[in-house]
């Protein structure tokens, strides 16, 4: 009842959560768009990856870059699921942007009530998501993809050595 936005939880037997109050404000096709977004989270096992990343942050709780990377990872997952919903056509972009607009309208109308469970999104992030849905995604060069993969490998290697040092 206190849920503010659609969300997905659990890994093994995933649940898609929808605020009861928002359902009457959405058309059936808009509800379908939100469910598609959440099902992309389920397909990619985002809840499991989020919990593993959170565990990693707790292991190196003292390092601010770990928390910054965790926050960035969560944000990128949201944008990736948004992109998966709208990648088929520009009409899909407009439909999903309309869904986000209706959600923002509902959030603004509800602003006077008590703050519920927010999970990851907020009104300002909703605005960024709205803009990114309407704009064309930028393609990364192969160099940037390789650089990111190398950085992830470097971080993973550092984490392994850090864990081995803590164990010893």
Protein backbone atom coordinates (compact mmCIF):
# COMPACT_ATOMS: atom_id res chain seq x y z
CA UNK A 1 0.00 0.00 0.00
CA UNK A 2 2.92 2.40 0.64
CA UNK A 3 4.73 1.58 -2.59
CA UNK A 4 5.29 4.69 -4.72
CA UNK A 5 6.48 3.23 -8.02
CA UNK A 6 6.41 -0.09 -9.88
CA UNK A 7 9.26 -2.34 -8.77
CA UNK A 8 10.60 -5.88 -8.98
CA UNK A 9 11.84 -7.88 -6.03
CA UNK A 10 13.29 -11.31 -5.32
CA UNK A 11 15.45 -13.33 -7.62
CA UNK A 12 14.43 -16.95 -7.49
CA UNK A 13 10.68 -16.33 -7.69
CA UNK A 14 10.46 -12.74 -8.88
CA UNK A 15 7.54 -10.49 -8.00
CA UNK A 16 6.48 -7.39 -9.89
CA UNK A 17 4.99 -4.88 -7.47
CA UNK A 18 2.57 -2.17 -8.56
CA UNK A 19 1.12 0.53 -6.33
CA UNK A 20 -2.60 -0.11 -5.99
CA UNK A 21 -3.36 3.58 -6.30
CA UNK A 22 -1.59 4.03 -9.64
CA UNK A 23 -3.38 1.24 -11.53
CA UNK A 24 -6.68 3.16 -12.01
CA UNK A 25 -4.74 6.11 -13.45
CA UNK A 26 -3.17 4.06 -16.24
CA UNK A 27 -4.68 2.71 -19.43
CA UNK A 28 -4.22 -1.00 -20.05
CA UNK A 29 -1.54 -0.36 -22.71
CA UNK A 30 0.36 1.90 -20.29
CA UNK A 31 0.16 -0.75 -17.60
CA UNK A 32 1.54 -3.19 -20.15
CA UNK A 33 4.50 -0.87 -20.81
CA UNK A 34 5.36 -0.71 -17.10
CA UNK A 35 5.04 -4.46 -16.79
CA UNK A 36 7.34 -4.95 -19.79
CA UNK A 37 9.90 -2.70 -18.12
CA UNK A 38 9.74 -4.69 -14.89
CA UNK A 39 9.86 -8.01 -16.76
CA UNK A 40 13.10 -6.90 -18.40
CA UNK A 41 14.47 -6.53 -14.87
CA UNK A 42 13.33 -10.09 -14.18
CA UNK A 43 14.84 -11.43 -17.41
CA UNK A 44 18.22 -9.86 -16.65
CA UNK A 45 18.18 -11.04 -13.01
CA UNK A 46 18.66 -7.45 -11.90
CA UNK A 47 17.54 -8.13 -8.35
CA UNK A 48 20.24 -10.78 -7.93
CA UNK A 49 22.92 -8.51 -9.42
CA UNK A 50 21.76 -5.68 -7.22
CA UNK A 51 22.02 -7.78 -4.08
CA UNK A 52 25.51 -9.02 -5.08
CA UNK A 53 26.65 -5.46 -5.78
CA UNK A 54 25.19 -4.34 -2.43
CA UNK A 55 27.10 -7.14 -0.72
CA UNK A 56 30.28 -6.00 -2.45
CA UNK A 57 29.67 -2.47 -1.22
CA UNK A 58 29.28 -3.71 2.31
CA UNK A 59 32.56 -5.61 2.09
CA UNK A 60 34.38 -2.43 1.04
CA UNK A 61 32.05 -0.07 2.89
CA UNK A 62 34.86 2.37 3.56
CA UNK A 63 35.50 3.11 -0.12
CA UNK A 64 33.30 5.89 -1.54
CA UNK A 65 33.92 4.83 -5.15
CA UNK A 66 32.29 1.48 -4.45
CA UNK A 67 29.09 3.22 -3.38
CA UNK A 68 29.27 5.59 -6.34
CA UNK A 69 29.70 2.67 -8.74
CA UNK A 70 26.77 0.86 -7.08
CA UNK A 71 24.53 3.88 -7.51
CA UNK A 72 25.61 4.28 -11.14
CA UNK A 73 25.01 0.58 -11.80
CA UNK A 74 21.44 0.82 -10.51
CA UNK A 75 20.77 3.88 -12.64
CA UNK A 76 22.19 2.25 -15.77
CA UNK A 77 19.99 -0.82 -15.21
CA UNK A 78 16.91 1.41 -15.14
CA UNK A 79 17.92 3.14 -18.36
CA UNK A 80 18.72 -0.21 -20.00
CA UNK A 81 15.25 -1.54 -19.19
CA UNK A 82 13.70 1.69 -20.46
CA UNK A 83 15.64 1.31 -23.69
CA UNK A 84 14.57 -2.35 -24.02
CA UNK A 85 10.94 -1.26 -23.84
CA UNK A 86 11.27 1.49 -26.48
CA UNK A 87 13.83 0.09 -28.89
CA UNK A 88 11.30 -1.16 -31.44
CA UNK A 89 10.08 2.19 -32.82
CA UNK A 90 9.68 5.90 -32.25
CA UNK A 91 5.99 5.27 -31.50
CA UNK A 92 7.06 3.02 -28.62
CA UNK A 93 9.20 5.90 -27.35
CA UNK A 94 6.21 8.22 -27.33
CA UNK A 95 3.94 5.65 -25.68
CA UNK A 96 6.45 4.97 -22.91
CA UNK A 97 7.13 8.68 -22.43
CA UNK A 98 3.38 9.15 -21.98
CA UNK A 99 3.42 6.40 -19.35
CA UNK A 100 6.21 8.17 -17.48
CA UNK A 101 4.27 11.44 -17.75
CA UNK A 102 1.17 9.83 -16.24
CA UNK A 103 3.29 8.39 -13.47
CA UNK A 104 4.84 11.80 -12.78
CA UNK A 105 1.36 13.36 -12.71
CA UNK A 106 0.20 10.77 -10.21
CA UNK A 107 3.31 11.33 -8.06
CA UNK A 108 2.76 15.10 -8.07
CA UNK A 109 -0.88 14.68 -7.03
CA UNK A 110 0.19 12.35 -4.24
CA UNK A 111 2.98 14.58 -2.99
CA UNK A 112 0.97 15.76 0.02
CA UNK A 113 0.56 12.25 1.38
CA UNK A 114 3.16 10.38 3.40
CA UNK A 115 6.35 9.31 1.67
CA UNK A 116 6.16 5.62 0.87
CA UNK A 117 8.73 3.16 -0.26
CA UNK A 118 10.65 4.89 -3.04
CA UNK A 119 12.96 2.10 -4.19
CA UNK A 120 15.21 3.81 -6.72
CA UNK A 121 13.28 6.42 -8.67
CA UNK A 122 12.40 9.94 -7.74
CA UNK A 123 10.72 12.78 -9.57
CA UNK A 124 14.02 14.24 -10.81
CA UNK A 125 15.22 10.86 -12.03
CA UNK A 126 11.87 10.35 -13.71
CA UNK A 127 12.53 13.52 -15.68
CA UNK A 128 15.91 12.20 -16.82
CA UNK A 129 14.33 8.90 -17.80
CA UNK A 130 11.69 10.77 -19.77
CA UNK A 131 14.34 12.69 -21.71
CA UNK A 132 16.45 9.60 -22.36
CA UNK A 133 13.44 7.66 -23.65
CA UNK A 134 12.68 10.37 -26.20
CA UNK A 135 16.28 10.80 -27.39
CA UNK A 136 18.17 8.37 -29.56
CA UNK A 137 20.69 6.26 -27.64
CA UNK A 138 24.32 6.98 -28.35
CA UNK A 139 26.34 4.08 -29.64
CA UNK A 140 29.63 3.40 -27.95
CA UNK A 141 32.75 2.88 -30.00
CA UNK A 142 34.48 -0.51 -29.74
CA UNK A 143 37.33 1.23 -27.89
CA UNK A 144 34.99 2.47 -25.17
CA UNK A 145 33.41 -0.98 -24.80
CA UNK A 146 36.86 -2.56 -24.45
CA UNK A 147 37.93 0.13 -22.00
CA UNK A 148 34.87 -0.53 -19.86
CA UNK A 149 35.42 -4.29 -19.96
CA UNK A 150 39.05 -3.77 -18.93
CA UNK A 151 38.01 -1.50 -16.09
CA UNK A 152 35.50 -4.07 -14.82
CA UNK A 153 38.18 -6.79 -14.96
CA UNK A 154 40.59 -4.53 -13.10
CA UNK A 155 38.00 -3.84 -10.38
CA UNK A 156 37.14 -7.53 -10.08
CA UNK A 157 40.82 -8.45 -9.75
CA UNK A 158 41.29 -5.76 -7.10
CA UNK A 159 38.25 -7.03 -5.20
CA UNK A 160 39.58 -10.60 -5.25
CA UNK A 161 42.96 -9.49 -3.88
CA UNK A 162 41.25 -7.37 -1.25
CA UNK A 163 39.10 -10.30 -0.13
CA UNK A 164 42.14 -12.60 -0.04
CA UNK A 165 43.95 -10.01 2.08
CA UNK A 166 41.02 -9.81 4.48
CA UNK A 167 40.85 -13.61 4.76
CA UNK A 168 44.58 -13.93 5.42
